[in-house]
Amino acid sequence: MLIKKKKYSLNDNFFETIIKFYQICYENLFIYHNIIRLSTILLSLIIYLDFLFPPFQIITRTICNYFIWFLLGILSSIGFGTGMQTGVLFVFPAIINEYEENIIYYSEINYNIYYSYIQCLPMVLFWGIGTAFGELPPYLISRKINYNDTNSLDKMFKMLGDNSESLRNNVKNSVEKFKLNKNYSYYTIICLSAWPNAMFDICGISAGLVKLKLDEFLIPTIIGKAFIKTPIQLAFILYSYGHYGDNISSQNKNSYLYLYYIWNTIVISFTLYVFKEYIENIVN
């Protein structure tokens, strides 16, 4: 007589599922114990220097500041085609605020744009690197899946919505091309990550299914997102605001702000749904 395996679900047995997920994570912590230990030591050292040695506060708080931008970058792209719009809510206002503050010292528009660009570049680079790390979940999940396992592929595509058939075809084409030439995959990832691409998850899924190494996926993604796309976006924002910012009325700003809040509510809800499916798949 076959014993039916228990089905874990956050809807039906929330606490049991969470406890099971915690146990699985705890059992696998030894794999990353060196990273966790080094991170804990580094964090303790930063806190120690910040509180007891005021001369080091400039360094420690700069590190913390850029780390926050890195985390905001992760939040911007984490999930399957989702993410909080931290660029719109945090990065863009910070860039514009830097431009406004520099008007006192650089009244000439082009000088101000150039100086503000230099000031904002480290911030957007760390944010861009964070967006690259935020693209890892689709890659990591698909890397655990056997490409020839139809059932596992179906479950993954269902997580992506109703247009799974279209995604399946796109992923299949990408997988076949990635298998033929790894150099093709490297430069393809750079190109796809170097421009605003809402369907970059297809690239991450394909890279995971063909079992590209972590560095073979992450490095070109960082190059495209952090060192190509974000510097161009920064220049575009500063140039547009410097030359045309006065034409934007405060009423339009408020209207756009409401739209951003609505959009982020939808995005966060879908991201939580993806995490829910991820937890249940891991446990089951």
C-alpha atoms as a PDB file:
ATOM      1  CA  MET A   1       0.000   0.000   0.000  1.00  0.00           C
ATOM      2  CA  LEU A   2       1.394   3.336  -1.042  1.00  0.00           C
ATOM      3  CA  ILE A   3       1.629   6.033   1.611  1.00  0.00           C
ATOM      4  CA  LYS A   4       0.552   9.388   0.298  1.00  0.00           C
ATOM      5  CA  LYS A   5       3.169  12.051   0.869  1.00  0.00           C
ATOM      6  CA  LYS A   6       1.991  14.987   2.943  1.00  0.00           C
ATOM      7  CA  LYS A   7       1.485  18.190   0.982  1.00  0.00           C
ATOM      8  CA  TYR A   8       2.815  21.317   2.678  1.00  0.00           C
ATOM      9  CA  SER A   9       1.155  24.647   1.951  1.00  0.00           C
ATOM     10  CA  LEU A  10       1.289  28.064   3.575  1.00  0.00           C
ATOM     11  CA  ASN A  11      -2.469  28.300   3.108  1.00  0.00           C
ATOM     12  CA  ASP A  12      -3.365  24.964   4.753  1.00  0.00           C
ATOM     13  CA  ASN A  13      -0.604  24.400   7.317  1.00  0.00           C
ATOM     14  CA  PHE A  14       1.333  27.654   7.620  1.00  0.00           C
ATOM     15  CA  PHE A  15       3.366  26.968  10.769  1.00  0.00           C
ATOM     16  CA  GLU A  16       4.278  23.402   9.802  1.00  0.00           C
ATOM     17  CA  THR A  17       5.488  24.613   6.394  1.00  0.00           C
ATOM     18  CA  ILE A  18       7.534  27.453   7.874  1.00  0.00           C
ATOM     19  CA  ILE A  19       9.086  25.147  10.490  1.00  0.00           C
ATOM     20  CA  LYS A  20       9.933  22.599   7.796  1.00  0.00           C
ATOM     21  CA  PHE A  21      11.488  25.304   5.620  1.00  0.00           C
ATOM     22  CA  TYR A  22      13.502  26.543   8.600  1.00  0.00           C
ATOM     23  CA  GLN A  23      14.772  23.017   9.276  1.00  0.00           C
ATOM     24  CA  ILE A  24      15.861  22.605   5.650  1.00  0.00           C
ATOM     25  CA  CYS A  25      17.673  25.962   5.713  1.00  0.00           C
ATOM     26  CA  TYR A  26      19.318  25.133   9.042  1.00  0.00           C
ATOM     27  CA  GLU A  27      20.510  21.747   7.807  1.00  0.00           C
ATOM     28  CA  ASN A  28      22.140  23.400   4.780  1.00  0.00           C
ATOM     29  CA  LEU A  29      23.736  26.284   6.669  1.00  0.00           C
ATOM     30  CA  PHE A  30      27.034  24.418   6.994  1.00  0.00           C
ATOM     31  CA  ILE A  31      27.559  24.921   3.257  1.00  0.00           C
ATOM     32  CA  TYR A  32      27.790  28.674   3.805  1.00  0.00           C
ATOM     33  CA  HIS A  33      29.181  28.722   7.339  1.00  0.00           C
ATOM     34  CA  ASN A  34      32.440  30.377   6.260  1.00  0.00           C
ATOM     35  CA  ILE A  35      30.606  33.216   4.490  1.00  0.00           C
ATOM     36  CA  ILE A  36      28.254  33.712   7.460  1.00  0.00           C
ATOM     37  CA  ARG A  37      31.147  33.723   9.921  1.00  0.00           C
ATOM     38  CA  LEU A  38      33.192  36.225   7.894  1.00  0.00           C
ATOM     39  CA  SER A  39      30.147  38.473   7.417  1.00  0.00           C
ATOM     40  CA  THR A  40      29.436  38.443  11.157  1.00  0.00           C
ATOM     41  CA  ILE A  41      33.051  39.299  11.986  1.00  0.00           C
ATOM     42  CA  LEU A  42      33.112  42.103   9.412  1.00  0.00           C
ATOM     43  CA  LEU A  43      29.827  43.581  10.669  1.00  0.00           C
ATOM     44  CA  SER A  44      31.032  43.444  14.282  1.00  0.00           C
ATOM     45  CA  LEU A  45      34.279  45.169  13.287  1.00  0.00           C
ATOM     46  CA  ILE A  46      32.427  47.967  11.471  1.00  0.00           C
ATOM     47  CA  ILE A  47      30.136  48.579  14.477  1.00  0.00           C
ATOM     48  CA  TYR A  48      33.122  48.511  16.856  1.00  0.00           C
ATOM     49  CA  LEU A  49      35.096  51.054  14.807  1.00  0.00           C
ATOM     50  CA  ASP A  50      32.064  53.298  14.316  1.00  0.00           C
ATOM     51  CA  PHE A  51      31.252  53.624  18.022  1.00  0.00           C
ATOM     52  CA  LEU A  52      34.706  53.628  19.596  1.00  0.00           C
ATOM     53  CA  PHE A  53      36.832  55.397  16.971  1.00  0.00           C
ATOM     54  CA  PRO A  54      35.149  58.567  15.634  1.00  0.00           C
ATOM     55  CA  PRO A  55      37.866  59.132  12.963  1.00  0.00           C
ATOM     56  CA  PHE A  56      36.722  55.881  11.306  1.00  0.00           C
ATOM     57  CA  GLN A  57      33.078  56.989  11.135  1.00  0.00           C
ATOM     58  CA  ILE A  58      33.521  58.469   7.682  1.00  0.00           C
ATOM     59  CA  ILE A  59      34.726  55.087   6.391  1.00  0.00           C
ATOM     60  CA  THR A  60      32.237  52.895   8.261  1.00  0.00           C
ATOM     61  CA  ARG A  61      29.216  55.036   7.451  1.00  0.00           C
ATOM     62  CA  THR A  62      30.258  55.284   3.805  1.00  0.00           C
ATOM     63  CA  ILE A  63      30.405  51.483   3.706  1.00  0.00           C
ATOM     64  CA  CYS A  64      26.958  51.242   5.327  1.00  0.00           C
ATOM     65  CA  ASN A  65      25.557  53.863   2.956  1.00  0.00           C
ATOM     66  CA  TYR A  66      26.711  52.025  -0.157  1.00  0.00           C
ATOM     67  CA  PHE A  67      25.574  48.708   1.318  1.00  0.00           C
ATOM     68  CA  ILE A  68      22.058  50.173   1.649  1.00  0.00           C
ATOM     69  CA  TRP A  69      22.127  51.150  -2.035  1.00  0.00           C
ATOM     70  CA  PHE A  70      23.281  47.609  -2.823  1.00  0.00           C
ATOM     71  CA  LEU A  71      20.294  46.182  -0.909  1.00  0.00           C
ATOM     72  CA  LEU A  72      17.927  48.580  -2.682  1.00  0.00           C
ATOM     73  CA  GLY A  73      19.344  47.292  -5.964  1.00  0.00           C
ATOM     74  CA  ILE A  74      18.570  43.722  -4.939  1.00  0.00           C
ATOM     75  CA  LEU A  75      15.002  44.707  -4.017  1.00  0.00           C
ATOM     76  CA  SER A  76      14.640  46.370  -7.401  1.00  0.00           C
ATOM     77  CA  SER A  77      15.048  43.161  -9.402  1.00  0.00           C
ATOM     78  CA  ILE A  78      14.541  40.229  -7.046  1.00  0.00           C
ATOM     79  CA  GLY A  79      11.902  37.663  -7.918  1.00  0.00           C
ATOM     80  CA  PHE A  80      10.485  36.509 -11.247  1.00  0.00           C
ATOM     81  CA  GLY A  81       9.922  39.647 -13.295  1.00  0.00           C
ATOM     82  CA  THR A  82       9.132  41.574 -10.137  1.00  0.00           C
ATOM     83  CA  GLY A  83      10.817  43.893  -7.713  1.00  0.00           C
ATOM     84  CA  MET A  84      10.229  47.094  -5.834  1.00  0.00           C
ATOM     85  CA  GLN A  85      10.810  50.161  -8.001  1.00  0.00           C
ATOM     86  CA  THR A  86      13.670  51.442  -5.844  1.00  0.00           C
ATOM     87  CA  GLY A  87      15.136  53.264  -8.829  1.00  0.00           C
ATOM     88  CA  VAL A  88      12.081  55.482  -9.093  1.00  0.00           C
ATOM     89  CA  LEU A  89      11.447  55.787  -5.359  1.00  0.00           C
ATOM     90  CA  PHE A  90      15.012  56.234  -4.082  1.00  0.00           C
ATOM     91  CA  VAL A  91      17.716  56.481  -6.768  1.00  0.00           C
ATOM     92  CA  PHE A  92      16.099  59.049  -9.067  1.00  0.00           C
ATOM     93  CA  PRO A  93      15.126  61.413  -6.199  1.00  0.00           C
ATOM     94  CA  ALA A  94      18.658  61.124  -4.759  1.00  0.00           C
ATOM     95  CA  ILE A  95      20.147  62.066  -8.145  1.00  0.00           C
ATOM     96  CA  ILE A  96      17.823  65.042  -8.549  1.00  0.00           C
ATOM     97  CA  ASN A  97      18.468  66.136  -4.968  1.00  0.00           C
ATOM     98  CA  GLU A  98      22.235  66.057  -5.608  1.00  0.00           C
ATOM     99  CA  TYR A  99      21.735  68.218  -8.712  1.00  0.00           C
ATOM    100  CA  GLU A 100      19.600  70.731  -6.797  1.00  0.00           C
ATOM    101  CA  GLU A 101      22.164  71.018  -3.986  1.00  0.00           C
ATOM    102  CA  ASN A 102      24.978  71.650  -6.455  1.00  0.00           C
ATOM    103  CA  ILE A 103      23.168  74.547  -8.132  1.00  0.00           C
ATOM    104  CA  ILE A 104      24.576  76.805  -5.403  1.00  0.00           C
ATOM    105  CA  TYR A 105      28.128  76.034  -6.517  1.00  0.00           C
ATOM    106  CA  TYR A 106      27.579  75.349 -10.235  1.00  0.00           C
ATOM    107  CA  SER A 107      24.995  77.659 -11.729  1.00  0.00           C
ATOM    108  CA  GLU A 108      25.955  76.690 -15.280  1.00  0.00           C
ATOM    109  CA  ILE A 109      23.845  73.660 -16.229  1.00  0.00           C
ATOM    110  CA  ASN A 110      26.483  71.558 -17.995  1.00  0.00           C
ATOM    111  CA  TYR A 111      29.044  72.023 -15.192  1.00  0.00           C
ATOM    112  CA  ASN A 112      26.429  71.026 -12.648  1.00  0.00           C
ATOM    113  CA  ILE A 113      25.470  67.945 -14.691  1.00  0.00           C
ATOM    114  CA  TYR A 114      29.116  66.875 -14.918  1.00  0.00           C
ATOM    115  CA  TYR A 115      29.832  67.403 -11.194  1.00  0.00           C
ATOM    116  CA  SER A 116      26.584  65.724 -10.103  1.00  0.00           C
ATOM    117  CA  TYR A 117      27.399  62.790 -12.375  1.00  0.00           C
ATOM    118  CA  ILE A 118      30.745  62.250 -10.647  1.00  0.00           C
ATOM    119  CA  GLN A 119      29.116  62.544  -7.208  1.00  0.00           C
ATOM    120  CA  CYS A 120      26.286  60.111  -7.979  1.00  0.00           C
ATOM    121  CA  LEU A 121      28.272  57.525  -9.953  1.00  0.00           C
ATOM    122  CA  PRO A 122      29.441  55.390  -6.952  1.00  0.00           C
ATOM    123  CA  MET A 123      25.879  55.285  -5.609  1.00  0.00           C
ATOM    124  CA  VAL A 124      24.340  54.077  -8.868  1.00  0.00           C
ATOM    125  CA  LEU A 125      27.165  51.569  -9.414  1.00  0.00           C
ATOM    126  CA  PHE A 126      26.462  49.876  -6.079  1.00  0.00           C
ATOM    127  CA  TRP A 127      22.744  49.991  -6.817  1.00  0.00           C
ATOM    128  CA  GLY A 128      23.417  48.463 -10.253  1.00  0.00           C
ATOM    129  CA  ILE A 129      25.511  45.665  -8.736  1.00  0.00           C
ATOM    130  CA  GLY A 130      22.621  44.981  -6.358  1.00  0.00           C
ATOM    131  CA  THR A 131      20.193  44.701  -9.306  1.00  0.00           C
ATOM    132  CA  ALA A 132      22.523  42.074 -10.796  1.00  0.00           C
ATOM    133  CA  PHE A 133      22.440  40.025  -7.572  1.00  0.00           C
ATOM    134  CA  GLY A 134      18.651  40.395  -7.546  1.00  0.00           C
ATOM    135  CA  GLU A 135      18.534  38.419 -10.803  1.00  0.00           C
ATOM    136  CA  LEU A 136      19.956  35.308  -9.111  1.00  0.00           C
ATOM    137  CA  PRO A 137      16.689  33.648  -7.873  1.00  0.00           C
ATOM    138  CA  PRO A 138      15.464  32.539 -11.351  1.00  0.00           C
ATOM    139  CA  TYR A 139      18.969  31.322 -12.179  1.00  0.00           C
ATOM    140  CA  LEU A 140      19.411  29.446  -8.878  1.00  0.00           C
ATOM    141  CA  ILE A 141      15.951  27.855  -8.990  1.00  0.00           C
ATOM    142  CA  SER A 142      16.270  26.694 -12.610  1.00  0.00           C
ATOM    143  CA  ARG A 143      19.800  25.395 -11.956  1.00  0.00           C
ATOM    144  CA  LYS A 144      18.295  22.800  -9.593  1.00  0.00           C
ATOM    145  CA  ILE A 145      15.937  21.590 -12.321  1.00  0.00           C
ATOM    146  CA  ASN A 146      16.676  18.874 -14.851  1.00  0.00           C
ATOM    147  CA  TYR A 147      15.893  20.299 -18.291  1.00  0.00           C
ATOM    148  CA  ASN A 148      14.503  16.917 -19.352  1.00  0.00           C
ATOM    149  CA  ASP A 149      12.149  16.759 -16.342  1.00  0.00           C
ATOM    150  CA  THR A 150       8.879  17.980 -17.841  1.00  0.00           C
ATOM    151  CA  ASN A 151       6.973  18.061 -14.530  1.00  0.00           C
ATOM    152  CA  SER A 152       9.549  20.281 -12.822  1.00  0.00           C
ATOM    153  CA  LEU A 153       9.653  22.617 -15.806  1.00  0.00           C
ATOM    154  CA  ASP A 154       5.850  22.880 -15.822  1.00  0.00           C
ATOM    155  CA  LYS A 155       5.805  23.850 -12.141  1.00  0.00           C
ATOM    156  CA  MET A 156       8.424  26.527 -12.717  1.00  0.00           C
ATOM    157  CA  PHE A 157       6.621  28.020 -15.698  1.00  0.00           C
ATOM    158  CA  LYS A 158       3.332  28.090 -13.760  1.00  0.00           C
ATOM    159  CA  MET A 159       5.045  30.355 -11.234  1.00  0.00           C
ATOM    160  CA  LEU A 160       5.622  32.845 -14.041  1.00  0.00           C
ATOM    161  CA  GLY A 161       1.968  33.351 -14.932  1.00  0.00           C
ATOM    162  CA  ASP A 162      -0.490  32.467 -17.659  1.00  0.00           C
ATOM    163  CA  ASN A 163       1.868  33.108 -20.584  1.00  0.00           C
ATOM    164  CA  SER A 164       3.955  30.046 -19.697  1.00  0.00           C
ATOM    165  CA  GLU A 165       3.785  28.628 -23.232  1.00  0.00           C
ATOM    166  CA  SER A 166       5.376  31.735 -24.715  1.00  0.00           C
ATOM    167  CA  LEU A 167       8.023  31.733 -21.980  1.00  0.00           C
ATOM    168  CA  ARG A 168       8.681  28.049 -22.582  1.00  0.00           C
ATOM    169  CA  ASN A 169       9.386  28.684 -26.263  1.00  0.00           C
ATOM    170  CA  ASN A 170      11.682  31.618 -25.512  1.00  0.00           C
ATOM    171  CA  VAL A 171      13.549  29.644 -22.859  1.00  0.00           C
ATOM    172  CA  LYS A 172      13.889  26.667 -25.210  1.00  0.00           C
ATOM    173  CA  ASN A 173      15.424  28.857 -27.933  1.00  0.00           C
ATOM    174  CA  SER A 174      17.828  30.453 -25.459  1.00  0.00           C
ATOM    175  CA  VAL A 175      18.833  27.104 -23.958  1.00  0.00           C
ATOM    176  CA  GLU A 176      19.663  25.655 -27.365  1.00  0.00           C
ATOM    177  CA  LYS A 177      21.816  28.680 -28.244  1.00  0.00           C
ATOM    178  CA  PHE A 178      23.550  28.677 -24.850  1.00  0.00           C
ATOM    179  CA  LYS A 179      24.382  24.987 -25.258  1.00  0.00           C
ATOM    180  CA  LEU A 180      25.985  25.549 -28.648  1.00  0.00           C
ATOM    181  CA  ASN A 181      28.419  28.258 -27.579  1.00  0.00           C
ATOM    182  CA  LYS A 182      29.310  29.474 -24.085  1.00  0.00           C
ATOM    183  CA  ASN A 183      30.895  32.613 -25.522  1.00  0.00           C
ATOM    184  CA  TYR A 184      27.511  33.364 -27.073  1.00  0.00           C
ATOM    185  CA  SER A 185      25.874  33.066 -23.647  1.00  0.00           C
ATOM    186  CA  TYR A 186      28.455  35.396 -22.046  1.00  0.00           C
ATOM    187  CA  TYR A 187      27.987  38.246 -24.513  1.00  0.00           C
ATOM    188  CA  THR A 188      24.244  37.645 -24.773  1.00  0.00           C
ATOM    189  CA  ILE A 189      23.879  38.067 -21.006  1.00  0.00           C
ATOM    190  CA  ILE A 190      25.875  41.320 -21.171  1.00  0.00           C
ATOM    191  CA  CYS A 191      23.696  42.685 -23.990  1.00  0.00           C
ATOM    192  CA  LEU A 192      20.393  41.678 -22.388  1.00  0.00           C
ATOM    193  CA  SER A 193      21.356  43.117 -19.000  1.00  0.00           C
ATOM    194  CA  ALA A 194      22.699  46.362 -20.493  1.00  0.00           C
ATOM    195  CA  TRP A 195      19.276  47.754 -21.385  1.00  0.00           C
ATOM    196  CA  PRO A 196      15.934  47.950 -19.519  1.00  0.00           C
ATOM    197  CA  ASN A 197      14.667  44.426 -20.048  1.00  0.00           C
ATOM    198  CA  ALA A 198      11.655  43.229 -18.069  1.00  0.00           C
ATOM    199  CA  MET A 199      12.093  39.694 -19.450  1.00  0.00           C
ATOM    200  CA  PHE A 200      15.682  39.216 -18.310  1.00  0.00           C
ATOM    201  CA  ASP A 201      14.398  36.343 -16.157  1.00  0.00           C
ATOM    202  CA  ILE A 202      14.267  34.244 -19.345  1.00  0.00           C
ATOM    203  CA  CYS A 203      18.011  34.730 -19.637  1.00  0.00           C
ATOM    204  CA  GLY A 204      18.548  33.735 -15.994  1.00  0.00           C
ATOM    205  CA  ILE A 205      16.331  30.662 -16.326  1.00  0.00           C
ATOM    206  CA  SER A 206      18.131  29.578 -19.505  1.00  0.00           C
ATOM    207  CA  ALA A 207      21.541  30.075 -17.881  1.00  0.00           C
ATOM    208  CA  GLY A 208      20.436  27.931 -14.941  1.00  0.00           C
ATOM    209  CA  LEU A 209      18.987  25.159 -17.113  1.00  0.00           C
ATOM    210  CA  VAL A 210      22.230  24.787 -19.089  1.00  0.00           C
ATOM    211  CA  LYS A 211      24.102  24.759 -15.754  1.00  0.00           C
ATOM    212  CA  LEU A 212      26.268  27.804 -16.350  1.00  0.00           C
ATOM    213  CA  LYS A 213      28.558  28.436 -13.394  1.00  0.00           C
ATOM    214  CA  LEU A 214      27.602  31.233 -11.003  1.00  0.00           C
ATOM    215  CA  ASP A 215      30.422  33.502 -12.183  1.00  0.00           C
ATOM    216  CA  GLU A 216      29.553  32.805 -15.844  1.00  0.00           C
ATOM    217  CA  PHE A 217      26.103  34.276 -15.209  1.00  0.00           C
ATOM    218  CA  LEU A 218      26.734  36.868 -12.500  1.00  0.00           C
ATOM    219  CA  ILE A 219      29.839  38.602 -13.921  1.00  0.00           C
ATOM    220  CA  PRO A 220      28.334  39.495 -17.336  1.00  0.00           C
ATOM    221  CA  THR A 221      25.113  40.539 -15.572  1.00  0.00           C
ATOM    222  CA  ILE A 222      27.071  42.920 -13.324  1.00  0.00           C
ATOM    223  CA  ILE A 223      28.973  44.302 -16.330  1.00  0.00           C
ATOM    224  CA  GLY A 224      25.768  44.971 -18.240  1.00  0.00           C
ATOM    225  CA  LYS A 225      23.626  46.316 -15.399  1.00  0.00           C
ATOM    226  CA  ALA A 226      26.162  48.176 -13.248  1.00  0.00           C
ATOM    227  CA  PHE A 227      28.863  49.340 -15.654  1.00  0.00           C
ATOM    228  CA  ILE A 228      26.895  49.918 -18.847  1.00  0.00           C
ATOM    229  CA  LYS A 229      23.212  50.541 -18.126  1.00  0.00           C
ATOM    230  CA  THR A 230      23.239  52.529 -14.881  1.00  0.00           C
ATOM    231  CA  PRO A 231      25.937  55.069 -15.923  1.00  0.00           C
ATOM    232  CA  ILE A 232      23.954  55.759 -19.107  1.00  0.00           C
ATOM    233  CA  GLN A 233      20.723  56.094 -17.119  1.00  0.00           C
ATOM    234  CA  LEU A 234      22.448  58.474 -14.711  1.00  0.00           C
ATOM    235  CA  ALA A 235      23.622  60.707 -17.559  1.00  0.00           C
ATOM    236  CA  PHE A 236      20.162  60.672 -19.139  1.00  0.00           C
ATOM    237  CA  ILE A 237      18.397  61.606 -15.875  1.00  0.00           C
ATOM    238  CA  LEU A 238      20.787  64.472 -15.107  1.00  0.00           C
ATOM    239  CA  TYR A 239      20.692  65.839 -18.655  1.00  0.00           C
ATOM    240  CA  SER A 240      16.885  65.614 -18.843  1.00  0.00           C
ATOM    241  CA  TYR A 241      16.353  67.223 -15.455  1.00  0.00           C
ATOM    242  CA  GLY A 242      19.012  69.875 -15.991  1.00  0.00           C
ATOM    243  CA  HIS A 243      17.558  71.051 -19.295  1.00  0.00           C
ATOM    244  CA  TYR A 244      13.858  70.213 -18.947  1.00  0.00           C
ATOM    245  CA  GLY A 245      13.220  69.805 -15.210  1.00  0.00           C
ATOM    246  CA  ASP A 246      11.588  73.214 -14.826  1.00  0.00           C
ATOM    247  CA  ASN A 247       8.800  72.137 -17.173  1.00  0.00           C
ATOM    248  CA  ILE A 248       7.610  69.393 -14.797  1.00  0.00           C
ATOM    249  CA  SER A 249       4.775  70.678 -12.640  1.00  0.00           C
ATOM    250  CA  SER A 250       4.301  69.623  -9.048  1.00  0.00           C
ATOM    251  CA  GLN A 251       0.818  68.373  -9.951  1.00  0.00           C
ATOM    252  CA  ASN A 252       2.266  65.879 -12.420  1.00  0.00           C
ATOM    253  CA  LYS A 253       4.776  64.747  -9.807  1.00  0.00           C
ATOM    254  CA  ASN A 254       1.979  63.957  -7.368  1.00  0.00           C
ATOM    255  CA  SER A 255       0.037  62.073 -10.040  1.00  0.00           C
ATOM    256  CA  TYR A 256       3.061  59.966 -10.912  1.00  0.00           C
ATOM    257  CA  LEU A 257       3.729  59.331  -7.229  1.00  0.00           C
ATOM    258  CA  TYR A 258       0.288  57.762  -6.760  1.00  0.00           C
ATOM    259  CA  LEU A 259       0.887  55.538  -9.777  1.00  0.00           C
ATOM    260  CA  TYR A 260       4.229  54.446  -8.351  1.00  0.00           C
ATOM    261  CA  TYR A 261       2.611  53.450  -5.035  1.00  0.00           C
ATOM    262  CA  ILE A 262      -0.096  51.456  -6.822  1.00  0.00           C
ATOM    263  CA  TRP A 263       2.471  49.746  -9.034  1.00  0.00           C
ATOM    264  CA  ASN A 264       4.704  48.864  -6.079  1.00  0.00           C
ATOM    265  CA  THR A 265       1.743  47.386  -4.206  1.00  0.00           C
ATOM    266  CA  ILE A 266       1.096  45.077  -7.159  1.00  0.00           C
ATOM    267  CA  VAL A 267       4.780  44.218  -7.554  1.00  0.00           C
ATOM    268  CA  ILE A 268       5.342  43.493  -3.846  1.00  0.00           C
ATOM    269  CA  SER A 269       2.221  41.308  -3.744  1.00  0.00           C
ATOM    270  CA  PHE A 270       3.412  39.252  -6.705  1.00  0.00           C
ATOM    271  CA  THR A 271       6.919  38.974  -5.234  1.00  0.00           C
ATOM    272  CA  LEU A 272       5.455  37.621  -1.980  1.00  0.00           C
ATOM    273  CA  TYR A 273       3.477  35.113  -4.036  1.00  0.00           C
ATOM    274  CA  VAL A 274       6.692  33.972  -5.749  1.00  0.00           C
ATOM    275  CA  PHE A 275       8.392  33.549  -2.353  1.00  0.00           C
ATOM    276  CA  LYS A 276       5.378  31.555  -1.150  1.00  0.00           C
ATOM    277  CA  GLU A 277       5.640  29.207  -4.145  1.00  0.00           C
ATOM    278  CA  TYR A 278       9.398  28.941  -3.671  1.00  0.00           C
ATOM    279  CA  ILE A 279       9.064  27.973   0.015  1.00  0.00           C
ATOM    280  CA  GLU A 280       6.384  25.383  -0.740  1.00  0.00           C
ATOM    281  CA  ASN A 281       8.427  23.868  -3.590  1.00  0.00           C
ATOM    282  CA  ILE A 282      11.527  23.607  -1.400  1.00  0.00           C
ATOM    283  CA  VAL A 283       9.615  21.947   1.446  1.00  0.00           C
ATOM    284  CA  ASN A 284       7.702  19.537  -0.815  1.00  0.00           C
END
